[in-house]
Structures are given as structure tokens and as C-alpha cells.
Amino acid sequence: MGMRCILLADRVTAAAYHLAGVEVRQPGNEGLLAAFRQARKDSGVLLLSRPLAMKLPNDELTQAIRDATPPVQVISPVYLDRASPDAAIRARRALGVST
């Protein structure tokens, strides 16, 4: 069996990574710390979207990254604060649903 990669993220980022075969979890704000701790126990690699990482206690996140058991990587969400005007067209073309 391969290494289990888990992503804690928002719905949009989770959907994109799920398509790539990553196990995704979308914790609520109230349960974020518990979800983070559980995902560390369950995964071989833990990915965490930056907006969620910013809501965790800084010392806990820093320690998890330093421990590297499992490796913890903070990632950018798949959306941007400001998308280019043709972002939707380019996305549809990349998915093969538009020319």
C-alpha cells in the first residue's frame, strides 16, 4: 500500500486535490485543531491549505512542521484573490470542455 496523503482544505481546493487522488478532509472552524491532530496520526504526508494553517495555533503548526512525522506542508489554495479575466475560459479548455 502506498503512502497516505491527506489534505485539510476548503471545498474548492479539496475538490481539485481529490481529482488528483489525495484524501481530502474539510474541517469546520470549530474542529480544525482536532482534525489537524487526527490527520497527523492518519497520514504519511499531510497537506494543509494556507487559510486553515493561519487559523491553527502557531506553536502547534511550527512544531508539527519541525517534527516532520509525518511531513507537513502548507499549500496555497487553488483559487487566487484575483483571477485573470480569462481564467474561466482557460480552465474549461484545460478540462477539455471548451475550445
PDB file of N, CA and C in Angstrom:
ATOM      1  N   MET A   1       0.844  -1.192   0.000  1.00  0.00           N
ATOM      2  CA  MET A   1       0.000   0.000   0.000  1.00  0.00           C
ATOM      3  C   MET A   1       0.882   1.245   0.000  1.00  0.00           C
ATOM      4  N   GLY A   2       0.491   2.258  -0.740  1.00  0.00           N
ATOM      5  CA  GLY A   2       1.276   3.479  -0.849  1.00  0.00           C
ATOM      6  C   GLY A   2       1.134   4.364   0.373  1.00  0.00           C
ATOM      7  N   MET A   3       1.902   5.438   0.376  1.00  0.00           N
ATOM      8  CA  MET A   3       1.856   6.393   1.467  1.00  0.00           C
ATOM      9  C   MET A   3       0.535   7.157   1.414  1.00  0.00           C
ATOM     10  N   ARG A   4      -0.088   7.310   2.541  1.00  0.00           N
ATOM     11  CA  ARG A   4      -1.373   8.002   2.626  1.00  0.00           C
ATOM     12  C   ARG A   4      -1.134   9.504   2.730  1.00  0.00           C
ATOM     13  N   CYS A   5      -1.652  10.239   1.747  1.00  0.00           N
ATOM     14  CA  CYS A   5      -1.535  11.698   1.727  1.00  0.00           C
ATOM     15  C   CYS A   5      -2.913  12.280   2.028  1.00  0.00           C
ATOM     16  N   ILE A   6      -2.967  13.138   3.031  1.00  0.00           N
ATOM     17  CA  ILE A   6      -4.219  13.767   3.437  1.00  0.00           C
ATOM     18  C   ILE A   6      -4.077  15.275   3.272  1.00  0.00           C
ATOM     19  N   LEU A   7      -5.138  15.897   2.778  1.00  0.00           N
ATOM     20  CA  LEU A   7      -5.191  17.349   2.645  1.00  0.00           C
ATOM     21  C   LEU A   7      -6.326  17.878   3.492  1.00  0.00           C
ATOM     22  N   LEU A   8      -6.046  18.869   4.328  1.00  0.00           N
ATOM     23  CA  LEU A   8      -7.066  19.630   5.040  1.00  0.00           C
ATOM     24  C   LEU A   8      -7.215  20.948   4.298  1.00  0.00           C
ATOM     25  N   ALA A   9      -8.411  21.207   3.777  1.00  0.00           N
ATOM     26  CA  ALA A   9      -8.570  22.397   2.941  1.00  0.00           C
ATOM     27  C   ALA A   9     -10.038  22.793   2.813  1.00  0.00           C
ATOM     28  N   ASP A  10     -10.246  23.935   2.175  1.00  0.00           N
ATOM     29  CA  ASP A  10     -11.580  24.405   1.823  1.00  0.00           C
ATOM     30  C   ASP A  10     -12.154  23.522   0.718  1.00  0.00           C
ATOM     31  N   ARG A  11     -13.425  23.689   0.438  1.00  0.00           N
ATOM     32  CA  ARG A  11     -14.134  22.846  -0.527  1.00  0.00           C
ATOM     33  C   ARG A  11     -13.532  22.898  -1.928  1.00  0.00           C
ATOM     34  N   VAL A  12     -13.184  24.068  -2.417  1.00  0.00           N
ATOM     35  CA  VAL A  12     -12.666  24.210  -3.783  1.00  0.00           C
ATOM     36  C   VAL A  12     -11.291  23.551  -3.917  1.00  0.00           C
ATOM     37  N   THR A  13     -10.394  23.844  -2.988  1.00  0.00           N
ATOM     38  CA  THR A  13      -9.063  23.242  -3.030  1.00  0.00           C
ATOM     39  C   THR A  13      -9.158  21.734  -2.831  1.00  0.00           C
ATOM     40  N   ALA A  14     -10.033  21.303  -1.915  1.00  0.00           N
ATOM     41  CA  ALA A  14     -10.207  19.874  -1.658  1.00  0.00           C
ATOM     42  C   ALA A  14     -10.675  19.152  -2.916  1.00  0.00           C
ATOM     43  N   ALA A  15     -11.601  19.730  -3.648  1.00  0.00           N
ATOM     44  CA  ALA A  15     -12.113  19.099  -4.869  1.00  0.00           C
ATOM     45  C   ALA A  15     -10.997  18.923  -5.895  1.00  0.00           C
ATOM     46  N   ALA A  16     -10.164  19.926  -6.053  1.00  0.00           N
ATOM     47  CA  ALA A  16      -9.075  19.841  -7.026  1.00  0.00           C
ATOM     48  C   ALA A  16      -8.078  18.745  -6.651  1.00  0.00           C
ATOM     49  N   TYR A  17      -7.722  18.663  -5.399  1.00  0.00           N
ATOM     50  CA  TYR A  17      -6.761  17.648  -4.960  1.00  0.00           C
ATOM     51  C   TYR A  17      -7.374  16.256  -4.952  1.00  0.00           C
ATOM     52  N   HIS A  18      -8.669  16.170  -4.675  1.00  0.00           N
ATOM     53  CA  HIS A  18      -9.352  14.876  -4.709  1.00  0.00           C
ATOM     54  C   HIS A  18      -9.266  14.274  -6.113  1.00  0.00           C
ATOM     55  N   LEU A  19      -9.402  15.122  -7.127  1.00  0.00           N
ATOM     56  CA  LEU A  19      -9.277  14.661  -8.508  1.00  0.00           C
ATOM     57  C   LEU A  19      -7.892  14.086  -8.779  1.00  0.00           C
ATOM     58  N   ALA A  20      -6.908  14.547  -8.024  1.00  0.00           N
ATOM     59  CA  ALA A  20      -5.535  14.051  -8.193  1.00  0.00           C
ATOM     60  C   ALA A  20      -5.262  12.832  -7.309  1.00  0.00           C
ATOM     61  N   GLY A  21      -6.271  12.357  -6.588  1.00  0.00           N
ATOM     62  CA  GLY A  21      -6.115  11.150  -5.802  1.00  0.00           C
ATOM     63  C   GLY A  21      -5.723  11.347  -4.351  1.00  0.00           C
ATOM     64  N   VAL A  22      -5.757  12.573  -3.878  1.00  0.00           N
ATOM     65  CA  VAL A  22      -5.414  12.859  -2.486  1.00  0.00           C
ATOM     66  C   VAL A  22      -6.661  12.686  -1.620  1.00  0.00           C
ATOM     67  N   GLU A  23      -6.496  12.101  -0.438  1.00  0.00           N
ATOM     68  CA  GLU A  23      -7.607  12.013   0.516  1.00  0.00           C
ATOM     69  C   GLU A  23      -7.815  13.406   1.102  1.00  0.00           C
ATOM     70  N   VAL A  24      -9.032  13.900   1.028  1.00  0.00           N
ATOM     71  CA  VAL A  24      -9.295  15.259   1.491  1.00  0.00           C
ATOM     72  C   VAL A  24     -10.249  15.253   2.677  1.00  0.00           C
ATOM     73  N   ARG A  25     -10.026  16.200   3.548  1.00  0.00           N
ATOM     74  CA  ARG A  25     -10.895  16.424   4.697  1.00  0.00           C
ATOM     75  C   ARG A  25     -11.148  17.915   4.795  1.00  0.00           C
ATOM     76  N   GLN A  26     -12.400  18.263   5.084  1.00  0.00           N
ATOM     77  CA  GLN A  26     -12.783  19.673   5.169  1.00  0.00           C
ATOM     78  C   GLN A  26     -13.294  19.971   6.572  1.00  0.00           C
ATOM     79  N   PRO A  27     -12.380  20.277   7.481  1.00  0.00           N
ATOM     80  CA  PRO A  27     -12.800  20.521   8.859  1.00  0.00           C
ATOM     81  C   PRO A  27     -13.512  21.856   9.009  1.00  0.00           C
ATOM     82  N   GLY A  28     -14.466  21.903   9.937  1.00  0.00           N
ATOM     83  CA  GLY A  28     -15.079  23.184  10.281  1.00  0.00           C
ATOM     84  C   GLY A  28     -14.144  23.963  11.177  1.00  0.00           C
ATOM     85  N   ASN A  29     -14.376  25.250  11.310  1.00  0.00           N
ATOM     86  CA  ASN A  29     -13.503  26.080  12.147  1.00  0.00           C
ATOM     87  C   ASN A  29     -13.429  25.577  13.581  1.00  0.00           C
ATOM     88  N   GLU A  30     -14.555  25.072  14.106  1.00  0.00           N
ATOM     89  CA  GLU A  30     -14.585  24.622  15.493  1.00  0.00           C
ATOM     90  C   GLU A  30     -13.727  23.378  15.682  1.00  0.00           C
ATOM     91  N   GLY A  31     -13.679  22.513  14.662  1.00  0.00           N
ATOM     92  CA  GLY A  31     -12.970  21.256  14.798  1.00  0.00           C
ATOM     93  C   GLY A  31     -11.625  21.213  14.117  1.00  0.00           C
ATOM     94  N   LEU A  32     -11.086  22.350  13.744  1.00  0.00           N
ATOM     95  CA  LEU A  32      -9.850  22.380  12.961  1.00  0.00           C
ATOM     96  C   LEU A  32      -8.667  21.773  13.712  1.00  0.00           C
ATOM     97  N   LEU A  33      -8.462  22.162  14.947  1.00  0.00           N
ATOM     98  CA  LEU A  33      -7.309  21.661  15.688  1.00  0.00           C
ATOM     99  C   LEU A  33      -7.395  20.144  15.875  1.00  0.00           C
ATOM    100  N   ALA A  34      -8.576  19.649  16.225  1.00  0.00           N
ATOM    101  CA  ALA A  34      -8.759  18.202  16.384  1.00  0.00           C
ATOM    102  C   ALA A  34      -8.557  17.485  15.052  1.00  0.00           C
ATOM    103  N   ALA A  35      -9.068  18.061  13.961  1.00  0.00           N
ATOM    104  CA  ALA A  35      -8.908  17.456  12.631  1.00  0.00           C
ATOM    105  C   ALA A  35      -7.432  17.433  12.234  1.00  0.00           C
ATOM    106  N   PHE A  36      -6.696  18.487  12.552  1.00  0.00           N
ATOM    107  CA  PHE A  36      -5.268  18.566  12.254  1.00  0.00           C
ATOM    108  C   PHE A  36      -4.508  17.480  13.009  1.00  0.00           C
ATOM    109  N   ARG A  37      -4.804  17.346  14.280  1.00  0.00           N
ATOM    110  CA  ARG A  37      -4.119  16.334  15.099  1.00  0.00           C
ATOM    111  C   ARG A  37      -4.434  14.925  14.603  1.00  0.00           C
ATOM    112  N   GLN A  38      -5.695  14.677  14.236  1.00  0.00           N
ATOM    113  CA  GLN A  38      -6.077  13.353  13.745  1.00  0.00           C
ATOM    114  C   GLN A  38      -5.416  13.060  12.404  1.00  0.00           C
ATOM    115  N   ALA A  39      -5.375  14.050  11.527  1.00  0.00           N
ATOM    116  CA  ALA A  39      -4.755  13.865  10.208  1.00  0.00           C
ATOM    117  C   ALA A  39      -3.264  13.574  10.353  1.00  0.00           C
ATOM    118  N   ARG A  40      -2.611  14.160  11.339  1.00  0.00           N
ATOM    119  CA  ARG A  40      -1.188  13.845  11.583  1.00  0.00           C
ATOM    120  C   ARG A  40      -1.029  12.381  11.952  1.00  0.00           C
ATOM    121  N   LYS A  41      -1.967  11.842  12.707  1.00  0.00           N
ATOM    122  CA  LYS A  41      -1.897  10.428  13.100  1.00  0.00           C
ATOM    123  C   LYS A  41      -2.188   9.503  11.924  1.00  0.00           C
ATOM    124  N   ASP A  42      -3.088   9.929  11.032  1.00  0.00           N
ATOM    125  CA  ASP A  42      -3.589   9.071   9.962  1.00  0.00           C
ATOM    126  C   ASP A  42      -2.751   9.080   8.695  1.00  0.00           C
ATOM    127  N   SER A  43      -1.900  10.084   8.505  1.00  0.00           N
ATOM    128  CA  SER A  43      -1.264  10.270   7.191  1.00  0.00           C
ATOM    129  C   SER A  43       0.223   9.963   7.193  1.00  0.00           C
ATOM    130  N   GLY A  44       0.721   9.738   5.963  1.00  0.00           N
ATOM    131  CA  GLY A  44       2.158   9.637   5.739  1.00  0.00           C
ATOM    132  C   GLY A  44       2.715  10.982   5.322  1.00  0.00           C
ATOM    133  N   VAL A  45       1.859  11.809   4.714  1.00  0.00           N
ATOM    134  CA  VAL A  45       2.165  13.184   4.327  1.00  0.00           C
ATOM    135  C   VAL A  45       0.899  13.994   4.572  1.00  0.00           C
ATOM    136  N   LEU A  46       1.042  15.143   5.197  1.00  0.00           N
ATOM    137  CA  LEU A  46      -0.112  15.995   5.482  1.00  0.00           C
ATOM    138  C   LEU A  46       0.038  17.323   4.765  1.00  0.00           C
ATOM    139  N   LEU A  47      -0.940  17.637   3.927  1.00  0.00           N
ATOM    140  CA  LEU A  47      -1.003  18.929   3.254  1.00  0.00           C
ATOM    141  C   LEU A  47      -2.065  19.764   3.954  1.00  0.00           C
ATOM    142  N   LEU A  48      -1.821  21.042   4.076  1.00  0.00           N
ATOM    143  CA  LEU A  48      -2.717  21.942   4.794  1.00  0.00           C
ATOM    144  C   LEU A  48      -2.803  23.246   4.027  1.00  0.00           C
ATOM    145  N   SER A  49      -4.018  23.656   3.666  1.00  0.00           N
ATOM    146  CA  SER A  49      -4.137  24.909   2.919  1.00  0.00           C
ATOM    147  C   SER A  49      -3.777  26.089   3.817  1.00  0.00           C
ATOM    148  N   ARG A  50      -3.168  27.083   3.223  1.00  0.00           N
ATOM    149  CA  ARG A  50      -2.694  28.254   3.967  1.00  0.00           C
ATOM    150  C   ARG A  50      -3.788  28.925   4.798  1.00  0.00           C
ATOM    151  N   PRO A  51      -5.016  29.127   4.266  1.00  0.00           N
ATOM    152  CA  PRO A  51      -6.042  29.761   5.107  1.00  0.00           C
ATOM    153  C   PRO A  51      -6.339  28.968   6.387  1.00  0.00           C
ATOM    154  N   LEU A  52      -6.327  27.637   6.310  1.00  0.00           N
ATOM    155  CA  LEU A  52      -6.542  26.842   7.517  1.00  0.00           C
ATOM    156  C   LEU A  52      -5.316  26.885   8.420  1.00  0.00           C
ATOM    157  N   ALA A  53      -4.137  26.849   7.827  1.00  0.00           N
ATOM    158  CA  ALA A  53      -2.905  26.905   8.617  1.00  0.00           C
ATOM    159  C   ALA A  53      -2.862  28.173   9.463  1.00  0.00           C
ATOM    160  N   MET A  54      -3.369  29.264   8.919  1.00  0.00           N
ATOM    161  CA  MET A  54      -3.355  30.534   9.633  1.00  0.00           C
ATOM    162  C   MET A  54      -4.295  30.521  10.841  1.00  0.00           C
ATOM    163  N   LYS A  55      -5.235  29.592  10.882  1.00  0.00           N
ATOM    164  CA  LYS A  55      -6.186  29.500  11.993  1.00  0.00           C
ATOM    165  C   LYS A  55      -5.706  28.569  13.108  1.00  0.00           C
ATOM    166  N   LEU A  56      -4.646  27.828  12.858  1.00  0.00           N
ATOM    167  CA  LEU A  56      -4.098  26.926  13.878  1.00  0.00           C
ATOM    168  C   LEU A  56      -3.206  27.702  14.841  1.00  0.00           C
ATOM    169  N   PRO A  57      -3.066  27.211  16.067  1.00  0.00           N
ATOM    170  CA  PRO A  57      -2.096  27.837  16.973  1.00  0.00           C
ATOM    171  C   PRO A  57      -0.696  27.754  16.347  1.00  0.00           C
ATOM    172  N   ASN A  58      -0.024  28.871  16.271  1.00  0.00           N
ATOM    173  CA  ASN A  58       1.265  28.944  15.581  1.00  0.00           C
ATOM    174  C   ASN A  58       2.284  27.956  16.146  1.00  0.00           C
ATOM    175  N   ASP A  59       2.328  27.821  17.474  1.00  0.00           N
ATOM    176  CA  ASP A  59       3.315  26.919  18.065  1.00  0.00           C
ATOM    177  C   ASP A  59       3.043  25.463  17.693  1.00  0.00           C
ATOM    178  N   GLU A  60       1.769  25.084  17.583  1.00  0.00           N
ATOM    179  CA  GLU A  60       1.442  23.697  17.224  1.00  0.00           C
ATOM    180  C   GLU A  60       1.823  23.406  15.770  1.00  0.00           C
ATOM    181  N   LEU A  61       1.513  24.333  14.875  1.00  0.00           N
ATOM    182  CA  LEU A  61       1.865  24.152  13.469  1.00  0.00           C
ATOM    183  C   LEU A  61       3.384  24.121  13.296  1.00  0.00           C
ATOM    184  N   THR A  62       4.080  25.038  13.931  1.00  0.00           N
ATOM    185  CA  THR A  62       5.543  25.080  13.834  1.00  0.00           C
ATOM    186  C   THR A  62       6.159  23.777  14.324  1.00  0.00           C
ATOM    187  N   GLN A  63       5.666  23.272  15.442  1.00  0.00           N
ATOM    188  CA  GLN A  63       6.203  22.021  15.986  1.00  0.00           C
ATOM    189  C   GLN A  63       5.924  20.851  15.042  1.00  0.00           C
ATOM    190  N   ALA A  64       4.728  20.819  14.450  1.00  0.00           N
ATOM    191  CA  ALA A  64       4.394  19.737  13.518  1.00  0.00           C
ATOM    192  C   ALA A  64       5.304  19.762  12.296  1.00  0.00           C
ATOM    193  N   ILE A  65       5.591  20.953  11.792  1.00  0.00           N
ATOM    194  CA  ILE A  65       6.485  21.074  10.637  1.00  0.00           C
ATOM    195  C   ILE A  65       7.902  20.640  11.019  1.00  0.00           C
ATOM    196  N   ARG A  66       8.354  21.030  12.194  1.00  0.00           N
ATOM    197  CA  ARG A  66       9.693  20.645  12.654  1.00  0.00           C
ATOM    198  C   ARG A  66       9.801  19.144  12.896  1.00  0.00           C
ATOM    199  N   ASP A  67       8.758  18.567  13.493  1.00  0.00           N
ATOM    200  CA  ASP A  67       8.777  17.126  13.779  1.00  0.00           C
ATOM    201  C   ASP A  67       8.882  16.307  12.505  1.00  0.00           C
ATOM    202  N   ALA A  68       8.188  16.750  11.473  1.00  0.00           N
ATOM    203  CA  ALA A  68       8.192  16.074  10.165  1.00  0.00           C
ATOM    204  C   ALA A  68       7.769  14.607  10.273  1.00  0.00           C
ATOM    205  N   THR A  69       6.931  14.292  11.253  1.00  0.00           N
ATOM    206  CA  THR A  69       6.421  12.935  11.414  1.00  0.00           C
ATOM    207  C   THR A  69       4.918  13.000  11.582  1.00  0.00           C
ATOM    208  N   PRO A  70       4.161  13.046  10.519  1.00  0.00           N
ATOM    209  CA  PRO A  70       4.558  12.987   9.118  1.00  0.00           C
ATOM    210  C   PRO A  70       5.010  14.375   8.631  1.00  0.00           C
ATOM    211  N   PRO A  71       5.615  14.423   7.443  1.00  0.00           N
ATOM    212  CA  PRO A  71       5.912  15.729   6.862  1.00  0.00           C
ATOM    213  C   PRO A  71       4.622  16.533   6.699  1.00  0.00           C
ATOM    214  N   VAL A  72       4.673  17.803   7.074  1.00  0.00           N
ATOM    215  CA  VAL A  72       3.527  18.707   6.962  1.00  0.00           C
ATOM    216  C   VAL A  72       3.915  19.821   6.006  1.00  0.00           C
ATOM    217  N   GLN A  73       3.093  20.047   4.996  1.00  0.00           N
ATOM    218  CA  GLN A  73       3.366  21.089   4.008  1.00  0.00           C
ATOM    219  C   GLN A  73       2.166  22.018   3.916  1.00  0.00           C
ATOM    220  N   VAL A  74       2.389  23.312   4.079  1.00  0.00           N
ATOM    221  CA  VAL A  74       1.338  24.307   3.892  1.00  0.00           C
ATOM    222  C   VAL A  74       1.319  24.669   2.414  1.00  0.00           C
ATOM    223  N   ILE A  75       0.130  24.599   1.814  1.00  0.00           N
ATOM    224  CA  ILE A  75      -0.008  24.868   0.377  1.00  0.00           C
ATOM    225  C   ILE A  75      -0.913  26.065   0.142  1.00  0.00           C
ATOM    226  N   SER A  76      -0.786  26.662  -1.012  1.00  0.00           N
ATOM    227  CA  SER A  76      -1.691  27.738  -1.411  1.00  0.00           C
ATOM    228  C   SER A  76      -3.000  27.144  -1.884  1.00  0.00           C
ATOM    229  N   PRO A  77      -4.122  27.823  -1.638  1.00  0.00           N
ATOM    230  CA  PRO A  77      -5.389  27.333  -2.173  1.00  0.00           C
ATOM    231  C   PRO A  77      -5.359  27.408  -3.694  1.00  0.00           C
ATOM    232  N   VAL A  78      -6.229  26.644  -4.354  1.00  0.00           N
ATOM    233  CA  VAL A  78      -6.200  26.609  -5.815  1.00  0.00           C
ATOM    234  C   VAL A  78      -6.787  27.860  -6.442  1.00  0.00           C
ATOM    235  N   TYR A  79      -7.483  28.649  -5.674  1.00  0.00           N
ATOM    236  CA  TYR A  79      -8.055  29.888  -6.201  1.00  0.00           C
ATOM    237  C   TYR A  79      -7.130  31.048  -5.836  1.00  0.00           C
ATOM    238  N   LEU A  80      -7.265  32.129  -6.557  1.00  0.00           N
ATOM    239  CA  LEU A  80      -6.473  33.326  -6.291  1.00  0.00           C
ATOM    240  C   LEU A  80      -7.396  34.416  -5.786  1.00  0.00           C
ATOM    241  N   ASP A  81      -6.832  35.381  -5.058  1.00  0.00           N
ATOM    242  CA  ASP A  81      -7.642  36.510  -4.614  1.00  0.00           C
ATOM    243  C   ASP A  81      -8.214  37.257  -5.819  1.00  0.00           C
ATOM    244  N   ARG A  82      -7.406  37.369  -6.853  1.00  0.00           N
ATOM    245  CA  ARG A  82      -7.869  37.997  -8.088  1.00  0.00           C
ATOM    246  C   ARG A  82      -7.466  37.108  -9.252  1.00  0.00           C
ATOM    247  N   ALA A  83      -8.451  36.534  -9.905  1.00  0.00           N
ATOM    248  CA  ALA A  83      -8.170  35.693 -11.069  1.00  0.00           C
ATOM    249  C   ALA A  83      -8.100  36.565 -12.310  1.00  0.00           C
ATOM    250  N   SER A  84      -7.367  36.102 -13.308  1.00  0.00           N
ATOM    251  CA  SER A  84      -7.308  36.847 -14.559  1.00  0.00           C
ATOM    252  C   SER A  84      -8.666  36.790 -15.245  1.00  0.00           C
ATOM    253  N   PRO A  85      -8.973  37.763 -16.075  1.00  0.00           N
ATOM    254  CA  PRO A  85     -10.292  37.811 -16.723  1.00  0.00           C
ATOM    255  C   PRO A  85     -10.621  36.562 -17.541  1.00  0.00           C
ATOM    256  N   ASP A  86      -9.615  35.891 -18.075  1.00  0.00           N
ATOM    257  CA  ASP A  86      -9.878  34.718 -18.903  1.00  0.00           C
ATOM    258  C   ASP A  86      -9.669  33.404 -18.146  1.00  0.00           C
ATOM    259  N   ALA A  87      -9.616  33.443 -16.827  1.00  0.00           N
ATOM    260  CA  ALA A  87      -9.344  32.245 -16.030  1.00  0.00           C
ATOM    261  C   ALA A  87     -10.386  31.151 -16.262  1.00  0.00           C
ATOM    262  N   ALA A  88     -11.650  31.519 -16.339  1.00  0.00           N
ATOM    263  CA  ALA A  88     -12.714  30.515 -16.541  1.00  0.00           C
ATOM    264  C   ALA A  88     -12.563  29.858 -17.909  1.00  0.00           C
ATOM    265  N   ILE A  89     -12.253  30.627 -18.918  1.00  0.00           N
ATOM    266  CA  ILE A  89     -12.079  30.084 -20.275  1.00  0.00           C
ATOM    267  C   ILE A  89     -10.884  29.124 -20.296  1.00  0.00           C
ATOM    268  N   ARG A  90      -9.771  29.541 -19.689  1.00  0.00           N
ATOM    269  CA  ARG A  90      -8.582  28.689 -19.664  1.00  0.00           C
ATOM    270  C   ARG A  90      -8.839  27.399 -18.876  1.00  0.00           C
ATOM    271  N   ALA A  91      -9.581  27.495 -17.797  1.00  0.00           N
ATOM    272  CA  ALA A  91      -9.899  26.303 -17.004  1.00  0.00           C
ATOM    273  C   ALA A  91     -10.754  25.332 -17.803  1.00  0.00           C
ATOM    274  N   ARG A  92     -11.777  25.851 -18.503  1.00  0.00           N
ATOM    275  CA  ARG A  92     -12.641  24.982 -19.318  1.00  0.00           C
ATOM    276  C   ARG A  92     -11.839  24.313 -20.425  1.00  0.00           C
ATOM    277  N   ARG A  93     -10.940  25.046 -21.052  1.00  0.00           N
ATOM    278  CA  ARG A  93     -10.089  24.458 -22.100  1.00  0.00           C
ATOM    279  C   ARG A  93      -9.189  23.377 -21.517  1.00  0.00           C
ATOM    280  N   ALA A  94      -8.611  23.629 -20.352  1.00  0.00           N
ATOM    281  CA  ALA A  94      -7.720  22.648 -19.740  1.00  0.00           C
ATOM    282  C   ALA A  94      -8.467  21.369 -19.387  1.00  0.00           C
ATOM    283  N   LEU A  95      -9.751  21.499 -19.044  1.00  0.00           N
ATOM    284  CA  LEU A  95     -10.555  20.337 -18.702  1.00  0.00           C
ATOM    285  C   LEU A  95     -11.162  19.671 -19.930  1.00  0.00           C
ATOM    286  N   GLY A  96     -10.984  20.283 -21.084  1.00  0.00           N
ATOM    287  CA  GLY A  96     -11.481  19.698 -22.320  1.00  0.00           C
ATOM    288  C   GLY A  96     -12.973  19.898 -22.546  1.00  0.00           C
ATOM    289  N   VAL A  97     -13.560  20.881 -21.899  1.00  0.00           N
ATOM    290  CA  VAL A  97     -14.995  21.120 -22.082  1.00  0.00           C
ATOM    291  C   VAL A  97     -15.283  22.357 -22.906  1.00  0.00           C
ATOM    292  N   SER A  98     -14.234  22.985 -23.429  1.00  0.00           N
ATOM    293  CA  SER A  98     -14.390  24.162 -24.257  1.00  0.00           C
ATOM    294  C   SER A  98     -13.220  24.243 -25.221  1.00  0.00           C
ATOM    295  N   THR A  99     -13.425  24.928 -26.336  1.00  0.00           N
ATOM    296  CA  THR A  99     -12.334  25.087 -27.296  1.00  0.00           C
ATOM    297  C   THR A  99     -11.853  26.510 -27.321  1.00  0.00           C
TER     298      THR A  99
END
